[in-house]
N, C-alpha and C. Protein backbone atom coordinates (compact mmCIF):
# COMPACT_ATOMS: atom_id res chain seq x y z
N MET A 1 26.27 17.25 17.47
CA MET A 1 25.31 17.34 16.44
C MET A 1 25.48 18.84 16.03
N LEU A 2 25.87 18.98 14.66
CA LEU A 2 25.86 20.33 13.89
C LEU A 2 24.65 21.11 14.34
N ASN A 3 24.77 22.54 14.35
CA ASN A 3 23.55 23.45 14.49
C ASN A 3 22.60 23.02 13.35
N ASP A 4 23.08 23.00 12.19
CA ASP A 4 22.34 22.74 11.05
C ASP A 4 21.43 21.73 11.11
N GLU A 5 22.03 20.31 11.70
CA GLU A 5 21.35 19.39 11.84
C GLU A 5 20.21 19.29 12.65
N VAL A 6 20.37 20.01 13.78
CA VAL A 6 19.36 20.21 14.90
C VAL A 6 18.31 21.04 14.09
N THR A 7 18.47 22.09 13.43
CA THR A 7 17.35 22.78 12.78
C THR A 7 16.69 22.19 11.73
N LEU A 8 17.46 21.11 10.72
CA LEU A 8 16.71 20.34 9.97
C LEU A 8 15.89 19.39 10.68
N ARG A 9 16.20 18.77 11.98
CA ARG A 9 15.52 17.79 12.77
C ARG A 9 14.08 18.59 13.10
N LYS A 10 14.15 19.75 13.57
CA LYS A 10 13.09 20.39 14.05
C LYS A 10 12.07 20.95 13.15
N LEU A 11 12.85 21.06 11.92
CA LEU A 11 12.07 21.29 10.60
C LEU A 11 11.20 20.20 10.32
N ALA A 12 11.74 19.14 10.07
CA ALA A 12 10.98 18.02 9.88
C ALA A 12 9.93 17.77 10.60
N ILE A 13 10.02 17.91 12.06
CA ILE A 13 9.30 17.52 12.86
C ILE A 13 8.06 18.35 12.95
N ARG A 14 8.34 19.61 12.79
CA ARG A 14 7.20 20.66 12.64
C ARG A 14 6.55 20.57 11.14
N CYS A 15 6.79 20.13 10.42
CA CYS A 15 6.41 19.93 8.92
C CYS A 15 5.77 18.50 8.55
N SER A 16 5.45 17.84 9.52
CA SER A 16 4.84 16.50 9.58
C SER A 16 3.94 16.26 8.41
N SER A 17 3.12 17.28 8.20
CA SER A 17 2.23 17.34 7.04
C SER A 17 2.61 17.58 5.71
N VAL A 18 3.92 17.82 5.68
CA VAL A 18 4.39 18.33 4.27
C VAL A 18 4.73 17.03 3.56
N ASP A 19 4.60 16.95 2.30
CA ASP A 19 5.09 15.75 1.52
C ASP A 19 6.40 15.65 1.43
N ALA A 20 7.28 16.81 1.43
CA ALA A 20 8.62 16.47 1.16
C ALA A 20 9.40 17.81 1.40
N VAL A 21 10.59 17.87 2.23
CA VAL A 21 11.44 19.09 2.44
C VAL A 21 12.61 18.75 1.56
N VAL A 22 13.06 19.84 0.58
CA VAL A 22 14.03 19.76 -0.19
C VAL A 22 15.09 20.84 0.34
N ILE A 23 16.61 20.44 0.44
CA ILE A 23 17.34 21.58 0.39
C ILE A 23 18.14 21.80 -1.08
N ALA A 24 18.24 22.83 -1.40
CA ALA A 24 18.70 23.15 -2.65
C ALA A 24 19.20 24.61 -2.66
N VAL A 25 20.07 24.71 -3.62
CA VAL A 25 20.65 26.03 -4.01
C VAL A 25 19.78 26.54 -5.07
N PRO A 26 19.18 27.70 -4.95
CA PRO A 26 18.36 28.40 -6.03
C PRO A 26 19.22 28.48 -7.20
N SER A 27 18.36 28.37 -8.28
CA SER A 27 19.02 28.61 -9.82
C SER A 27 17.93 29.41 -10.50
N GLN A 28 18.41 29.60 -11.53
CA GLN A 28 17.51 30.68 -12.58
C GLN A 28 16.37 29.61 -13.02
N ASP A 29 15.08 30.25 -13.28
CA ASP A 29 13.92 29.67 -13.93
C ASP A 29 13.47 28.32 -13.04
N LEU A 30 13.09 28.80 -11.87
CA LEU A 30 12.59 27.88 -11.10
C LEU A 30 11.08 27.50 -11.47
N PRO A 31 10.55 26.44 -11.14
CA PRO A 31 9.30 26.06 -11.71
C PRO A 31 8.17 27.00 -10.98
N ASP A 32 7.21 27.17 -11.64
CA ASP A 32 6.18 27.85 -11.01
C ASP A 32 5.67 27.56 -9.67
N GLY A 33 5.47 28.11 -8.73
CA GLY A 33 5.08 27.72 -7.37
C GLY A 33 6.10 27.26 -6.35
N VAL A 34 7.36 27.25 -6.89
CA VAL A 34 8.57 26.92 -5.88
C VAL A 34 8.97 28.24 -5.35
N GLN A 35 9.07 28.21 -4.13
CA GLN A 35 9.53 29.24 -3.25
C GLN A 35 10.90 29.11 -2.52
N VAL A 36 11.92 29.65 -2.59
CA VAL A 36 13.15 29.42 -1.96
C VAL A 36 13.42 30.50 -0.93
N VAL A 37 14.05 29.99 0.21
CA VAL A 37 14.22 30.74 1.39
C VAL A 37 15.64 30.35 1.82
N SER A 38 16.35 31.37 2.19
CA SER A 38 17.45 31.26 2.86
C SER A 38 17.39 30.56 4.35
N LEU A 39 18.09 29.43 4.67
CA LEU A 39 17.84 28.68 6.07
C LEU A 39 19.03 29.00 6.99
N PHE A 40 20.36 28.90 6.21
CA PHE A 40 21.60 29.04 7.11
C PHE A 40 22.51 30.00 6.56
N GLU A 41 23.59 30.44 7.20
CA GLU A 41 24.68 31.36 6.85
C GLU A 41 25.52 30.62 5.77
N ASP A 42 25.50 29.24 5.67
CA ASP A 42 26.31 28.49 4.81
C ASP A 42 25.72 27.97 3.21
N GLN A 43 24.85 29.03 2.97
CA GLN A 43 24.42 29.03 1.83
C GLN A 43 23.48 27.69 1.52
N LEU A 44 22.62 27.27 2.44
CA LEU A 44 21.79 26.16 2.38
C LEU A 44 20.48 26.72 2.06
N PHE A 45 19.34 26.51 1.31
CA PHE A 45 18.24 26.94 1.04
C PHE A 45 16.99 26.06 1.29
N LEU A 46 15.85 26.51 1.67
CA LEU A 46 14.78 25.61 1.52
C LEU A 46 13.69 25.98 0.31
N ALA A 47 13.46 24.99 -0.56
CA ALA A 47 12.58 25.30 -1.76
C ALA A 47 11.49 24.39 -1.25
N SER A 48 10.32 24.82 -1.55
CA SER A 48 9.07 24.51 -1.27
C SER A 48 7.98 24.79 -2.32
N SER A 49 7.22 23.76 -2.27
CA SER A 49 6.19 24.11 -3.43
C SER A 49 4.75 23.30 -3.07
N LYS A 50 3.54 24.17 -3.24
CA LYS A 50 2.34 23.74 -2.87
C LYS A 50 1.39 23.08 -4.09
N SER A 51 2.40 22.97 -5.24
CA SER A 51 1.58 22.46 -6.58
C SER A 51 1.29 21.30 -6.53
N ALA A 52 0.40 20.56 -7.40
CA ALA A 52 -0.07 19.29 -7.32
C ALA A 52 0.92 18.31 -7.30
N LYS A 53 0.60 17.20 -6.50
CA LYS A 53 1.67 16.18 -6.34
C LYS A 53 1.77 15.15 -7.80
N ARG A 54 3.10 14.77 -7.93
CA ARG A 54 3.32 14.11 -9.25
C ARG A 54 3.96 12.76 -8.54
N SER A 55 3.62 11.55 -9.03
CA SER A 55 4.15 10.15 -8.67
C SER A 55 5.58 10.27 -9.18
N LEU A 56 6.46 9.76 -8.27
CA LEU A 56 7.85 9.78 -8.46
C LEU A 56 8.28 8.14 -9.08
N SER A 57 7.38 7.30 -9.04
CA SER A 57 7.53 5.97 -9.64
C SER A 57 7.31 6.17 -11.24
N GLY A 58 6.86 7.00 -11.80
CA GLY A 58 6.69 7.10 -13.20
C GLY A 58 5.37 6.44 -13.65
N ASP A 59 4.60 6.09 -12.77
CA ASP A 59 3.24 5.29 -13.06
C ASP A 59 2.26 6.46 -13.64
């Protein structure tokens, strides 16, 4: 297993109360409340937000 995969598994276990963990490349004009933190040397990043939850089903 790759080192990045091990790190992601550990992150998922430690963040069991988090609604979503997203790996993203930062871009301009991020939404308010989104924080982007470098995770690995291969330019993967963690973006997280504590803003209000929205339904993904469109309801």
